[in-house]
Amino acid sequence: NYVVGRTLAEARKALDERRLEQRAE
């Protein structure tokens, strides 16, 4: 859900920004 259309570095940044939501999912 996060990598499509992004580089690895951009995907990592997007994941970091959603860390709280990650814990719930």
mmCIF file of all heavy atoms, coordinates in Angstrom:
data_MODEL
# 
_entry.id   MODEL 
# 
loop_
_atom_site.group_PDB 
_atom_site.id 
_atom_site.type_symbol 
_atom_site.label_atom_id 
_atom_site.label_alt_id 
_atom_site.label_comp_id 
_atom_site.label_asym_id 
_atom_site.label_entity_id 
_atom_site.label_seq_id 
_atom_site.pdbx_PDB_ins_code 
_atom_site.Cartn_x 
_atom_site.Cartn_y 
_atom_site.Cartn_z 
_atom_site.occupancy 
_atom_site.B_iso_or_equiv 
_atom_site.pdbx_formal_charge 
_atom_site.auth_seq_id 
_atom_site.auth_comp_id 
_atom_site.auth_asym_id 
_atom_site.auth_atom_id 
_atom_site.pdbx_PDB_model_num 
ATOM 1   N N   . ASN A 1 1  ? 0.813  -1.222 0.000  1.00 0.00 ? 1  ASN A N   1 
ATOM 2   C CA  . ASN A 1 1  ? 0.000  0.000  0.000  1.00 0.00 ? 1  ASN A CA  1 
ATOM 3   C C   . ASN A 1 1  ? 0.843  1.267  0.000  1.00 0.00 ? 1  ASN A C   1 
ATOM 4   O O   . ASN A 1 1  ? 0.339  2.341  -0.334 1.00 0.00 ? 1  ASN A O   1 
ATOM 5   C CB  . ASN A 1 1  ? -0.920 0.020  1.233  1.00 0.00 ? 1  ASN A CB  1 
ATOM 6   C CG  . ASN A 1 1  ? -1.973 -1.069 1.176  1.00 0.00 ? 1  ASN A CG  1 
ATOM 7   O OD1 . ASN A 1 1  ? -2.460 -1.407 0.106  1.00 0.00 ? 1  ASN A OD1 1 
ATOM 8   N ND2 . ASN A 1 1  ? -2.304 -1.637 2.326  1.00 0.00 ? 1  ASN A ND2 1 
ATOM 9   N N   . TYR A 1 2  ? 2.112  1.134  0.380  1.00 0.00 ? 2  TYR A N   1 
ATOM 10  C CA  . TYR A 1 2  ? 2.954  2.325  0.531  1.00 0.00 ? 2  TYR A CA  1 
ATOM 11  C C   . TYR A 1 2  ? 4.024  2.480  -0.535 1.00 0.00 ? 2  TYR A C   1 
ATOM 12  O O   . TYR A 1 2  ? 4.517  3.582  -0.764 1.00 0.00 ? 2  TYR A O   1 
ATOM 13  C CB  . TYR A 1 2  ? 3.621  2.312  1.910  1.00 0.00 ? 2  TYR A CB  1 
ATOM 14  C CG  . TYR A 1 2  ? 2.642  2.548  3.028  1.00 0.00 ? 2  TYR A CG  1 
ATOM 15  C CD1 . TYR A 1 2  ? 2.014  1.482  3.650  1.00 0.00 ? 2  TYR A CD1 1 
ATOM 16  C CD2 . TYR A 1 2  ? 2.312  3.838  3.427  1.00 0.00 ? 2  TYR A CD2 1 
ATOM 17  C CE1 . TYR A 1 2  ? 1.088  1.693  4.659  1.00 0.00 ? 2  TYR A CE1 1 
ATOM 18  C CE2 . TYR A 1 2  ? 1.392  4.062  4.428  1.00 0.00 ? 2  TYR A CE2 1 
ATOM 19  C CZ  . TYR A 1 2  ? 0.780  2.983  5.042  1.00 0.00 ? 2  TYR A CZ  1 
ATOM 20  O OH  . TYR A 1 2  ? -0.141 3.207  6.028  1.00 0.00 ? 2  TYR A OH  1 
ATOM 21  N N   . VAL A 1 3  ? 4.391  1.375  -1.175 1.00 0.00 ? 3  VAL A N   1 
ATOM 22  C CA  . VAL A 1 3  ? 5.515  1.467  -2.094 1.00 0.00 ? 3  VAL A CA  1 
ATOM 23  C C   . VAL A 1 3  ? 5.124  1.885  -3.503 1.00 0.00 ? 3  VAL A C   1 
ATOM 24  O O   . VAL A 1 3  ? 5.947  2.426  -4.235 1.00 0.00 ? 3  VAL A O   1 
ATOM 25  C CB  . VAL A 1 3  ? 6.297  0.134  -2.169 1.00 0.00 ? 3  VAL A CB  1 
ATOM 26  C CG1 . VAL A 1 3  ? 6.823  -0.260 -0.800 1.00 0.00 ? 3  VAL A CG1 1 
ATOM 27  C CG2 . VAL A 1 3  ? 5.452  -0.972 -2.777 1.00 0.00 ? 3  VAL A CG2 1 
ATOM 28  N N   . VAL A 1 4  ? 3.902  1.623  -3.904 1.00 0.00 ? 4  VAL A N   1 
ATOM 29  C CA  . VAL A 1 4  ? 3.506  1.885  -5.288 1.00 0.00 ? 4  VAL A CA  1 
ATOM 30  C C   . VAL A 1 4  ? 3.668  3.372  -5.609 1.00 0.00 ? 4  VAL A C   1 
ATOM 31  O O   . VAL A 1 4  ? 3.119  4.241  -4.931 1.00 0.00 ? 4  VAL A O   1 
ATOM 32  C CB  . VAL A 1 4  ? 2.050  1.445  -5.544 1.00 0.00 ? 4  VAL A CB  1 
ATOM 33  C CG1 . VAL A 1 4  ? 1.625  1.845  -6.960 1.00 0.00 ? 4  VAL A CG1 1 
ATOM 34  C CG2 . VAL A 1 4  ? 1.918  -0.054 -5.349 1.00 0.00 ? 4  VAL A CG2 1 
ATOM 35  N N   . GLY A 1 5  ? 4.477  3.636  -6.639 1.00 0.00 ? 5  GLY A N   1 
ATOM 36  C CA  . GLY A 1 5  ? 4.699  5.012  -7.054 1.00 0.00 ? 5  GLY A CA  1 
ATOM 37  C C   . GLY A 1 5  ? 5.725  5.753  -6.211 1.00 0.00 ? 5  GLY A C   1 
ATOM 38  O O   . GLY A 1 5  ? 5.926  6.958  -6.391 1.00 0.00 ? 5  GLY A O   1 
ATOM 39  N N   . ARG A 1 6  ? 6.382  5.035  -5.282 1.00 0.00 ? 6  ARG A N   1 
ATOM 40  C CA  . ARG A 1 6  ? 7.378  5.660  -4.417 1.00 0.00 ? 6  ARG A CA  1 
ATOM 41  C C   . ARG A 1 6  ? 8.710  4.931  -4.522 1.00 0.00 ? 6  ARG A C   1 
ATOM 42  O O   . ARG A 1 6  ? 8.777  3.766  -4.893 1.00 0.00 ? 6  ARG A O   1 
ATOM 43  C CB  . ARG A 1 6  ? 6.931  5.632  -2.944 1.00 0.00 ? 6  ARG A CB  1 
ATOM 44  C CG  . ARG A 1 6  ? 5.736  6.512  -2.611 1.00 0.00 ? 6  ARG A CG  1 
ATOM 45  C CD  . ARG A 1 6  ? 5.486  6.461  -1.109 1.00 0.00 ? 6  ARG A CD  1 
ATOM 46  N NE  . ARG A 1 6  ? 4.505  7.453  -0.670 1.00 0.00 ? 6  ARG A NE  1 
ATOM 47  C CZ  . ARG A 1 6  ? 3.331  7.160  -0.123 1.00 0.00 ? 6  ARG A CZ  1 
ATOM 48  N NH1 . ARG A 1 6  ? 2.981  5.894  0.049  1.00 0.00 ? 6  ARG A NH1 1 
ATOM 49  N NH2 . ARG A 1 6  ? 2.506  8.121  0.253  1.00 0.00 ? 6  ARG A NH2 1 
ATOM 50  N N   . THR A 1 7  ? 9.788  5.624  -4.155 1.00 0.00 ? 7  THR A N   1 
ATOM 51  C CA  . THR A 1 7  ? 11.068 4.966  -3.957 1.00 0.00 ? 7  THR A CA  1 
ATOM 52  C C   . THR A 1 7  ? 11.064 4.339  -2.565 1.00 0.00 ? 7  THR A C   1 
ATOM 53  O O   . THR A 1 7  ? 10.165 4.600  -1.749 1.00 0.00 ? 7  THR A O   1 
ATOM 54  C CB  . THR A 1 7  ? 12.233 5.957  -4.063 1.00 0.00 ? 7  THR A CB  1 
ATOM 55  O OG1 . THR A 1 7  ? 12.142 6.898  -2.980 1.00 0.00 ? 7  THR A OG1 1 
ATOM 56  C CG2 . THR A 1 7  ? 12.196 6.717  -5.393 1.00 0.00 ? 7  THR A CG2 1 
ATOM 57  N N   . LEU A 1 8  ? 12.087 3.529  -2.280 1.00 0.00 ? 8  LEU A N   1 
ATOM 58  C CA  . LEU A 1 8  ? 12.173 2.926  -0.950 1.00 0.00 ? 8  LEU A CA  1 
ATOM 59  C C   . LEU A 1 8  ? 12.274 3.990  0.140  1.00 0.00 ? 8  LEU A C   1 
ATOM 60  O O   . LEU A 1 8  ? 11.630 3.894  1.186  1.00 0.00 ? 8  LEU A O   1 
ATOM 61  C CB  . LEU A 1 8  ? 13.391 1.998  -0.878 1.00 0.00 ? 8  LEU A CB  1 
ATOM 62  C CG  . LEU A 1 8  ? 13.238 0.627  -1.551 1.00 0.00 ? 8  LEU A CG  1 
ATOM 63  C CD1 . LEU A 1 8  ? 14.590 -0.072 -1.620 1.00 0.00 ? 8  LEU A CD1 1 
ATOM 64  C CD2 . LEU A 1 8  ? 12.224 -0.236 -0.798 1.00 0.00 ? 8  LEU A CD2 1 
ATOM 65  N N   . ALA A 1 9  ? 13.083 5.033  -0.119 1.00 0.00 ? 9  ALA A N   1 
ATOM 66  C CA  . ALA A 1 9  ? 13.245 6.089  0.873  1.00 0.00 ? 9  ALA A CA  1 
ATOM 67  C C   . ALA A 1 9  ? 11.930 6.821  1.107  1.00 0.00 ? 9  ALA A C   1 
ATOM 68  O O   . ALA A 1 9  ? 11.575 7.153  2.248  1.00 0.00 ? 9  ALA A O   1 
ATOM 69  C CB  . ALA A 1 9  ? 14.326 7.065  0.429  1.00 0.00 ? 9  ALA A CB  1 
ATOM 70  N N   . GLU A 1 10 ? 11.180 7.065  0.044  1.00 0.00 ? 10 GLU A N   1 
ATOM 71  C CA  . GLU A 1 10 ? 9.883  7.743  0.190  1.00 0.00 ? 10 GLU A CA  1 
ATOM 72  C C   . GLU A 1 10 ? 8.886  6.856  0.912  1.00 0.00 ? 10 GLU A C   1 
ATOM 73  O O   . GLU A 1 10 ? 8.079  7.335  1.727  1.00 0.00 ? 10 GLU A O   1 
ATOM 74  C CB  . GLU A 1 10 ? 9.358  8.131  -1.193 1.00 0.00 ? 10 GLU A CB  1 
ATOM 75  C CG  . GLU A 1 10 ? 10.176 9.233  -1.863 1.00 0.00 ? 10 GLU A CG  1 
ATOM 76  C CD  . GLU A 1 10 ? 9.843  9.400  -3.332 1.00 0.00 ? 10 GLU A CD  1 
ATOM 77  O OE1 . GLU A 1 10 ? 9.162  8.516  -3.903 1.00 0.00 ? 10 GLU A OE1 1 
ATOM 78  O OE2 . GLU A 1 10 ? 10.283 10.416 -3.921 1.00 0.00 ? 10 GLU A OE2 1 
ATOM 79  N N   . ALA A 1 11 ? 8.917  5.543  0.637  1.00 0.00 ? 11 ALA A N   1 
ATOM 80  C CA  . ALA A 1 11 ? 8.020  4.617  1.322  1.00 0.00 ? 11 ALA A CA  1 
ATOM 81  C C   . ALA A 1 11 ? 8.343  4.564  2.822  1.00 0.00 ? 11 ALA A C   1 
ATOM 82  O O   . ALA A 1 11 ? 7.444  4.540  3.665  1.00 0.00 ? 11 ALA A O   1 
ATOM 83  C CB  . ALA A 1 11 ? 8.134  3.226  0.705  1.00 0.00 ? 11 ALA A CB  1 
ATOM 84  N N   . ARG A 1 12 ? 9.638  4.568  3.131  1.00 0.00 ? 12 ARG A N   1 
ATOM 85  C CA  . ARG A 1 12 ? 10.030 4.551  4.547  1.00 0.00 ? 12 ARG A CA  1 
ATOM 86  C C   . ARG A 1 12 ? 9.526  5.802  5.263  1.00 0.00 ? 12 ARG A C   1 
ATOM 87  O O   . ARG A 1 12 ? 9.036  5.726  6.394  1.00 0.00 ? 12 ARG A O   1 
ATOM 88  C CB  . ARG A 1 12 ? 11.555 4.460  4.657  1.00 0.00 ? 12 ARG A CB  1 
ATOM 89  C CG  . ARG A 1 12 ? 12.046 4.360  6.090  1.00 0.00 ? 12 ARG A CG  1 
ATOM 90  C CD  . ARG A 1 12 ? 13.559 4.301  6.136  1.00 0.00 ? 12 ARG A CD  1 
ATOM 91  N NE  . ARG A 1 12 ? 14.039 4.063  7.486  1.00 0.00 ? 12 ARG A NE  1 
ATOM 92  C CZ  . ARG A 1 12 ? 15.321 4.009  7.815  1.00 0.00 ? 12 ARG A CZ  1 
ATOM 93  N NH1 . ARG A 1 12 ? 16.247 4.172  6.892  1.00 0.00 ? 12 ARG A NH1 1 
ATOM 94  N NH2 . ARG A 1 12 ? 15.682 3.792  9.057  1.00 0.00 ? 12 ARG A NH2 1 
ATOM 95  N N   . LYS A 1 13 ? 9.633  6.952  4.615  1.00 0.00 ? 13 LYS A N   1 
ATOM 96  C CA  . LYS A 1 13 ? 9.158  8.196  5.218  1.00 0.00 ? 13 LYS A CA  1 
ATOM 97  C C   . LYS A 1 13 ? 7.649  8.141  5.443  1.00 0.00 ? 13 LYS A C   1 
ATOM 98  O O   . LYS A 1 13 ? 7.148  8.556  6.505  1.00 0.00 ? 13 LYS A O   1 
ATOM 99  C CB  . LYS A 1 13 ? 9.519  9.368  4.305  1.00 0.00 ? 13 LYS A CB  1 
ATOM 100 C CG  . LYS A 1 13 ? 9.093  10.726 4.855  1.00 0.00 ? 13 LYS A CG  1 
ATOM 101 C CD  . LYS A 1 13 ? 9.504  11.847 3.916  1.00 0.00 ? 13 LYS A CD  1 
ATOM 102 C CE  . LYS A 1 13 ? 9.039  13.199 4.461  1.00 0.00 ? 13 LYS A CE  1 
ATOM 103 N NZ  . LYS A 1 13 ? 9.406  14.305 3.526  1.00 0.00 ? 13 LYS A NZ  1 
ATOM 104 N N   . ALA A 1 14 ? 6.917  7.618  4.450  1.00 0.00 ? 14 ALA A N   1 
ATOM 105 C CA  . ALA A 1 14 ? 5.461  7.514  4.592  1.00 0.00 ? 14 ALA A CA  1 
ATOM 106 C C   . ALA A 1 14 ? 5.089  6.590  5.732  1.00 0.00 ? 14 ALA A C   1 
ATOM 107 O O   . ALA A 1 14 ? 4.138  6.850  6.487  1.00 0.00 ? 14 ALA A O   1 
ATOM 108 C CB  . ALA A 1 14 ? 4.849  7.029  3.277  1.00 0.00 ? 14 ALA A CB  1 
ATOM 109 N N   . LEU A 1 15 ? 5.827  5.503  5.892  1.00 0.00 ? 15 LEU A N   1 
ATOM 110 C CA  . LEU A 1 15 ? 5.555  4.563  6.990  1.00 0.00 ? 15 LEU A CA  1 
ATOM 111 C C   . LEU A 1 15 ? 5.848  5.209  8.340  1.00 0.00 ? 15 LEU A C   1 
ATOM 112 O O   . LEU A 1 15 ? 5.100  5.012  9.310  1.00 0.00 ? 15 LEU A O   1 
ATOM 113 C CB  . LEU A 1 15 ? 6.390  3.294  6.815  1.00 0.00 ? 15 LEU A CB  1 
ATOM 114 C CG  . LEU A 1 15 ? 5.930  2.346  5.704  1.00 0.00 ? 15 LEU A CG  1 
ATOM 115 C CD1 . LEU A 1 15 ? 7.000  1.315  5.406  1.00 0.00 ? 15 LEU A CD1 1 
ATOM 116 C CD2 . LEU A 1 15 ? 4.623  1.657  6.109  1.00 0.00 ? 15 LEU A CD2 1 
ATOM 117 N N   . ASP A 1 16 ? 6.931  5.961  8.420  1.00 0.00 ? 16 ASP A N   1 
ATOM 118 C CA  . ASP A 1 16 ? 7.261  6.644  9.671  1.00 0.00 ? 16 ASP A CA  1 
ATOM 119 C C   . ASP A 1 16 ? 6.166  7.619  10.081 1.00 0.00 ? 16 ASP A C   1 
ATOM 120 O O   . ASP A 1 16 ? 5.861  7.778  11.271 1.00 0.00 ? 16 ASP A O   1 
ATOM 121 C CB  . ASP A 1 16 ? 8.598  7.393  9.532  1.00 0.00 ? 16 ASP A CB  1 
ATOM 122 C CG  . ASP A 1 16 ? 9.791  6.455  9.503  1.00 0.00 ? 16 ASP A CG  1 
ATOM 123 O OD1 . ASP A 1 16 ? 9.626  5.296  9.925  1.00 0.00 ? 16 ASP A OD1 1 
ATOM 124 O OD2 . ASP A 1 16 ? 10.866 6.883  9.060  1.00 0.00 ? 16 ASP A OD2 1 
ATOM 125 N N   . GLU A 1 17 ? 5.570  8.267  9.088  1.00 0.00 ? 17 GLU A N   1 
ATOM 126 C CA  . GLU A 1 17 ? 4.517  9.231  9.389  1.00 0.00 ? 17 GLU A CA  1 
ATOM 127 C C   . GLU A 1 17 ? 3.236  8.562  9.873  1.00 0.00 ? 17 GLU A C   1 
ATOM 128 O O   . GLU A 1 17 ? 2.391  9.212  10.497 1.00 0.00 ? 17 GLU A O   1 
ATOM 129 C CB  . GLU A 1 17 ? 4.224  10.077 8.141  1.00 0.00 ? 17 GLU A CB  1 
ATOM 130 C CG  . GLU A 1 17 ? 5.375  11.020 7.769  1.00 0.00 ? 17 GLU A CG  1 
ATOM 131 C CD  . GLU A 1 17 ? 5.172  11.697 6.430  1.00 0.00 ? 17 GLU A CD  1 
ATOM 132 O OE1 . GLU A 1 17 ? 4.214  11.306 5.708  1.00 0.00 ? 17 GLU A OE1 1 
ATOM 133 O OE2 . GLU A 1 17 ? 5.968  12.605 6.088  1.00 0.00 ? 17 GLU A OE2 1 
ATOM 134 N N   . ARG A 1 18 ? 3.091  7.268  9.613  1.00 0.00 ? 18 ARG A N   1 
ATOM 135 C CA  . ARG A 1 18 ? 1.874  6.555  10.027 1.00 0.00 ? 18 ARG A CA  1 
ATOM 136 C C   . ARG A 1 18 ? 2.182  5.512  11.104 1.00 0.00 ? 18 ARG A C   1 
ATOM 137 O O   . ARG A 1 18 ? 1.481  4.506  11.226 1.00 0.00 ? 18 ARG A O   1 
ATOM 138 C CB  . ARG A 1 18 ? 1.255  5.857  8.817  1.00 0.00 ? 18 ARG A CB  1 
ATOM 139 C CG  . ARG A 1 18 ? 0.636  6.823  7.817  1.00 0.00 ? 18 ARG A CG  1 
ATOM 140 C CD  . ARG A 1 18 ? -0.370 6.121  6.948  1.00 0.00 ? 18 ARG A CD  1 
ATOM 141 N NE  . ARG A 1 18 ? -1.431 5.515  7.745  1.00 0.00 ? 18 ARG A NE  1 
ATOM 142 C CZ  . ARG A 1 18 ? -2.350 4.690  7.248  1.00 0.00 ? 18 ARG A CZ  1 
ATOM 143 N NH1 . ARG A 1 18 ? -2.341 4.374  5.981  1.00 0.00 ? 18 ARG A NH1 1 
ATOM 144 N NH2 . ARG A 1 18 ? -3.284 4.171  8.037  1.00 0.00 ? 18 ARG A NH2 1 
ATOM 145 N N   . ARG A 1 19 ? 3.197  5.766  11.904 1.00 0.00 ? 19 ARG A N   1 
ATOM 146 C CA  . ARG A 1 19 ? 3.615  4.766  12.881 1.00 0.00 ? 19 ARG A CA  1 
ATOM 147 C C   . ARG A 1 19 ? 2.511  4.428  13.882 1.00 0.00 ? 19 ARG A C   1 
ATOM 148 O O   . ARG A 1 19 ? 2.314  3.272  14.253 1.00 0.00 ? 19 ARG A O   1 
ATOM 149 C CB  . ARG A 1 19 ? 4.863  5.258  13.619 1.00 0.00 ? 19 ARG A CB  1 
ATOM 150 C CG  . ARG A 1 19 ? 5.464  4.234  14.567 1.00 0.00 ? 19 ARG A CG  1 
ATOM 151 C CD  . ARG A 1 19 ? 6.880  4.613  14.940 1.00 0.00 ? 19 ARG A CD  1 
ATOM 152 N NE  . ARG A 1 19 ? 7.750  4.671  13.779 1.00 0.00 ? 19 ARG A NE  1 
ATOM 153 C CZ  . ARG A 1 19 ? 8.294  3.596  13.227 1.00 0.00 ? 19 ARG A CZ  1 
ATOM 154 N NH1 . ARG A 1 19 ? 8.048  2.404  13.714 1.00 0.00 ? 19 ARG A NH1 1 
ATOM 155 N NH2 . ARG A 1 19 ? 9.072  3.715  12.173 1.00 0.00 ? 19 ARG A NH2 1 
ATOM 156 N N   . LEU A 1 20 ? 1.768  5.408  14.352 1.00 0.00 ? 20 LEU A N   1 
ATOM 157 C CA  . LEU A 1 20 ? 0.694  5.145  15.315 1.00 0.00 ? 20 LEU A CA  1 
ATOM 158 C C   . LEU A 1 20 ? -0.388 4.269  14.707 1.00 0.00 ? 20 LEU A C   1 
ATOM 159 O O   . LEU A 1 20 ? -0.918 3.356  15.365 1.00 0.00 ? 20 LEU A O   1 
ATOM 160 C CB  . LEU A 1 20 ? 0.095  6.471  15.806 1.00 0.00 ? 20 LEU A CB  1 
ATOM 161 C CG  . LEU A 1 20 ? 1.009  7.321  16.691 1.00 0.00 ? 20 LEU A CG  1 
ATOM 162 C CD1 . LEU A 1 20 ? 0.330  8.647  17.038 1.00 0.00 ? 20 LEU A CD1 1 
ATOM 163 C CD2 . LEU A 1 20 ? 1.373  6.557  17.966 1.00 0.00 ? 20 LEU A CD2 1 
ATOM 164 N N   . GLU A 1 21 ? -0.720 4.512  13.453 1.00 0.00 ? 21 GLU A N   1 
ATOM 165 C CA  . GLU A 1 21 ? -1.739 3.695  12.796 1.00 0.00 ? 21 GLU A CA  1 
ATOM 166 C C   . GLU A 1 21 ? -1.234 2.274  12.567 1.00 0.00 ? 21 GLU A C   1 
ATOM 167 O O   . GLU A 1 21 ? -2.009 1.318  12.606 1.00 0.00 ? 21 GLU A O   1 
ATOM 168 C CB  . GLU A 1 21 ? -2.126 4.340  11.466 1.00 0.00 ? 21 GLU A CB  1 
ATOM 169 C CG  . GLU A 1 21 ? -2.787 5.711  11.653 1.00 0.00 ? 21 GLU A CG  1 
ATOM 170 C CD  . GLU A 1 21 ? -2.849 6.486  10.355 1.00 0.00 ? 21 GLU A CD  1 
ATOM 171 O OE1 . GLU A 1 21 ? -2.569 5.894  9.296  1.00 0.00 ? 21 GLU A OE1 1 
ATOM 172 O OE2 . GLU A 1 21 ? -3.170 7.677  10.411 1.00 0.00 ? 21 GLU A OE2 1 
ATOM 173 N N   . GLN A 1 22 ? 0.103  2.142  12.338 1.00 0.00 ? 22 GLN A N   1 
ATOM 174 C CA  . GLN A 1 22 ? 0.681  0.819  12.166 1.00 0.00 ? 22 GLN A CA  1 
ATOM 175 C C   . GLN A 1 22 ? 0.423  -0.057 13.381 1.00 0.00 ? 22 GLN A C   1 
ATOM 176 O O   . GLN A 1 22 ? 0.078  -1.237 13.261 1.00 0.00 ? 22 GLN A O   1 
ATOM 177 C CB  . GLN A 1 22 ? 2.205  0.940  11.982 1.00 0.00 ? 22 GLN A CB  1 
ATOM 178 C CG  . GLN A 1 22 ? 2.671  1.009  10.540 1.00 0.00 ? 22 GLN A CG  1 
ATOM 179 C CD  . GLN A 1 22 ? 4.176  1.017  10.473 1.00 0.00 ? 22 GLN A CD  1 
ATOM 180 O OE1 . GLN A 1 22 ? 4.770  2.049  10.239 1.00 0.00 ? 22 GLN A OE1 1 
ATOM 181 N NE2 . GLN A 1 22 ? 4.802  -0.110 10.677 1.00 0.00 ? 22 GLN A NE2 1 
ATOM 182 N N   . ARG A 1 23 ? 0.580  0.522  14.549 1.00 0.00 ? 23 ARG A N   1 
ATOM 183 C CA  . ARG A 1 23 ? 0.430  -0.266 15.783 1.00 0.00 ? 23 ARG A CA  1 
ATOM 184 C C   . ARG A 1 23 ? -0.974 -0.833 15.920 1.00 0.00 ? 23 ARG A C   1 
ATOM 185 O O   . ARG A 1 23 ? -1.171 -1.899 16.501 1.00 0.00 ? 23 ARG A O   1 
ATOM 186 C CB  . ARG A 1 23 ? 0.757  0.610  16.990 1.00 0.00 ? 23 ARG A CB  1 
ATOM 187 C CG  . ARG A 1 23 ? 2.238  0.950  17.084 1.00 0.00 ? 23 ARG A CG  1 
ATOM 188 C CD  . ARG A 1 23 ? 2.533  1.897  18.214 1.00 0.00 ? 23 ARG A CD  1 
ATOM 189 N NE  . ARG A 1 23 ? 3.941  2.274  18.237 1.00 0.00 ? 23 ARG A NE  1 
ATOM 190 C CZ  . ARG A 1 23 ? 4.413  3.346  18.819 1.00 0.00 ? 23 ARG A CZ  1 
ATOM 191 N NH1 . ARG A 1 23 ? 3.589  4.172  19.437 1.00 0.00 ? 23 ARG A NH1 1 
ATOM 192 N NH2 . ARG A 1 23 ? 5.697  3.600  18.795 1.00 0.00 ? 23 ARG A NH2 1 
ATOM 193 N N   . ALA A 1 24 ? -1.940 -0.125 15.372 1.00 0.00 ? 24 ALA A N   1 
ATOM 194 C CA  . ALA A 1 24 ? -3.313 -0.605 15.457 1.00 0.00 ? 24 ALA A CA  1 
ATOM 195 C C   . ALA A 1 24 ? -3.598 -1.679 14.408 1.00 0.00 ? 24 ALA A C   1 
ATOM 196 O O   . ALA A 1 24 ? -4.493 -2.506 14.592 1.00 0.00 ? 24 ALA A O   1 
ATOM 197 C CB  . ALA A 1 24 ? -4.284 0.563  15.275 1.00 0.00 ? 24 ALA A CB  1 
ATOM 198 N N   . GLU A 1 25 ? -2.839 -1.683 13.305 1.00 0.00 ? 25 GLU A N   1 
ATOM 199 C CA  . GLU A 1 25 ? -3.135 -2.592 12.203 1.00 0.00 ? 25 GLU A CA  1 
ATOM 200 C C   . GLU A 1 25 ? -2.260 -3.847 12.204 1.00 0.00 ? 25 GLU A C   1 
ATOM 201 O O   . GLU A 1 25 ? -2.656 -4.874 11.644 1.00 0.00 ? 25 GLU A O   1 
ATOM 202 C CB  . GLU A 1 25 ? -2.939 -1.854 10.868 1.00 0.00 ? 25 GLU A CB  1 
ATOM 203 C CG  . GLU A 1 25 ? -3.882 -0.679 10.666 1.00 0.00 ? 25 GLU A CG  1 
ATOM 204 C CD  . GLU A 1 25 ? -3.610 0.041  9.352  1.00 0.00 ? 25 GLU A CD  1 
ATOM 205 O OE1 . GLU A 1 25 ? -3.318 -0.652 8.365  1.00 0.00 ? 25 GLU A OE1 1 
ATOM 206 O OE2 . GLU A 1 25 ? -3.691 1.275  9.323  1.00 0.00 ? 25 GLU A OE2 1 
# 
